[in-house]
């Protein structure tokens, strides 16, 4: 009878070890999926960073749009601005005006 109890205990111990092993493999698999899967924590972190970068680009483009709209308004309606732009950017002058170029000294 003792031999039968020992075998029974050994069988139960083996069953427990197999059950724990299966649970460990399942748990480890779930952790790996949770961290590295398509919808895992790491992918979520990457998507969050990507979203932040895209939001920064959108904000920058909105600022640029406002600036371009202001520029457009000035070009349509502000003669002094147009004259300033023509003089500075395109080096244009009124009739009988002279333009002087100032060179900086090289140190």
Protein backbone atom coordinates (compact mmCIF):
# COMPACT_ATOMS: atom_id res chain seq x y z
CA UNK A 1 0.00 0.00 0.00
CA UNK A 2 2.88 2.34 0.71
CA UNK A 3 4.20 1.73 -2.77
CA UNK A 4 0.81 2.66 -4.21
CA UNK A 5 0.69 5.90 -2.16
CA UNK A 6 4.20 6.82 -3.28
CA UNK A 7 3.25 6.29 -6.91
CA UNK A 8 0.05 8.26 -6.38
CA UNK A 9 1.96 11.12 -4.73
CA UNK A 10 4.59 11.07 -7.46
CA UNK A 11 1.82 11.17 -10.08
CA UNK A 12 0.13 14.11 -8.34
CA UNK A 13 3.47 15.93 -8.07
CA UNK A 14 4.12 15.33 -11.75
CA UNK A 15 0.63 16.62 -12.60
CA UNK A 16 1.25 19.77 -10.52
CA UNK A 17 4.60 20.35 -12.23
CA UNK A 18 3.08 19.89 -15.69
CA UNK A 19 0.18 22.20 -14.76
CA UNK A 20 2.60 24.84 -13.43
CA UNK A 21 4.73 24.48 -16.55
CA UNK A 22 1.72 24.97 -18.81
CA UNK A 23 0.58 27.98 -16.77
CA UNK A 24 4.10 29.41 -16.90
CA UNK A 25 4.26 29.02 -20.69
CA UNK A 26 0.81 30.58 -21.09
CA UNK A 27 1.70 33.43 -18.71
CA UNK A 28 4.99 34.08 -20.48
CA UNK A 29 3.23 34.02 -23.84
CA UNK A 30 0.66 36.54 -22.63
CA UNK A 31 3.37 38.82 -21.28
CA UNK A 32 5.26 38.66 -24.58
CA UNK A 33 2.09 39.38 -26.54
CA UNK A 34 1.18 42.19 -24.14
CA UNK A 35 4.58 43.81 -24.57
CA UNK A 36 5.54 43.06 -28.16
CA UNK A 37 2.29 42.28 -30.00
CA UNK A 38 0.61 44.42 -32.65
CA UNK A 39 -1.49 46.05 -29.93
CA UNK A 40 1.11 45.72 -27.18
CA UNK A 41 2.63 48.31 -24.89
CA UNK A 42 5.68 48.93 -27.07
CA UNK A 43 3.57 49.44 -30.20
CA UNK A 44 1.28 51.76 -28.24
CA UNK A 45 4.30 53.78 -27.11
CA UNK A 46 5.56 54.05 -30.71
CA UNK A 47 2.14 55.14 -31.93
CA UNK A 48 1.88 57.73 -29.16
CA UNK A 49 5.26 59.20 -30.11
CA UNK A 50 4.30 59.20 -33.78
CA UNK A 51 1.03 60.93 -32.94
CA UNK A 52 2.88 63.60 -30.92
CA UNK A 53 5.27 64.23 -33.84
CA UNK A 54 2.39 64.49 -36.30
CA UNK A 55 0.57 66.88 -33.94
CA UNK A 56 3.71 69.05 -33.77
CA UNK A 57 3.86 69.09 -37.58
CA UNK A 58 0.18 70.07 -37.74
CA UNK A 59 0.75 72.90 -35.25
CA UNK A 60 3.76 74.11 -37.22
CA UNK A 61 1.79 74.01 -40.48
CA UNK A 62 -1.07 75.95 -38.88
CA UNK A 63 1.37 78.66 -37.80
CA UNK A 64 2.87 78.70 -41.28
CA UNK A 65 -0.61 78.95 -42.80
CA UNK A 66 -1.43 81.97 -40.63
CA UNK A 67 1.87 83.57 -41.60
CA UNK A 68 1.23 82.95 -45.30
CA UNK A 69 -2.29 84.33 -45.03
CA UNK A 70 -0.90 87.49 -43.42
CA UNK A 71 1.71 87.73 -46.18
CA UNK A 72 -0.99 87.27 -48.82
CA UNK A 73 -3.14 89.98 -47.25
CA UNK A 74 -0.19 92.40 -47.18
CA UNK A 75 0.68 91.63 -50.79
CA UNK A 76 -2.88 92.37 -51.86
CA UNK A 77 -3.54 95.44 -49.74
CA UNK A 78 -0.37 97.07 -48.36
CA UNK A 79 1.50 99.17 -50.92
CA UNK A 80 4.23 100.13 -48.44
CA UNK A 81 4.91 96.48 -47.70
CA UNK A 82 5.12 95.70 -51.42
CA UNK A 83 7.56 98.57 -51.92
CA UNK A 84 9.68 97.44 -48.96
CA UNK A 85 9.74 93.88 -50.28
CA UNK A 86 10.68 95.05 -53.77
CA UNK A 87 13.54 97.16 -52.42
CA UNK A 88 14.93 94.61 -49.96
CA UNK A 89 14.37 91.32 -51.69
CA UNK A 90 14.53 92.21 -55.36
CA UNK A 91 16.84 95.25 -55.11
CA UNK A 92 14.48 97.43 -57.08
CA UNK A 93 14.64 101.21 -57.01
CA UNK A 94 12.46 104.14 -57.98
CA UNK A 95 13.47 106.10 -61.06
CA UNK A 96 16.58 108.26 -60.47
CA UNK A 97 17.40 106.43 -57.23
CA UNK A 98 20.80 104.90 -56.62
CA UNK A 99 21.42 101.67 -54.78
CA UNK A 100 24.55 101.24 -52.73
CA UNK A 101 25.86 97.87 -51.67
CA UNK A 102 27.68 97.82 -48.36
CA UNK A 103 30.24 95.11 -47.92
CA UNK A 104 31.30 93.98 -44.47
CA UNK A 105 35.00 93.76 -43.66
CA UNK A 106 36.48 90.30 -43.35
CA UNK A 107 38.15 89.88 -39.98
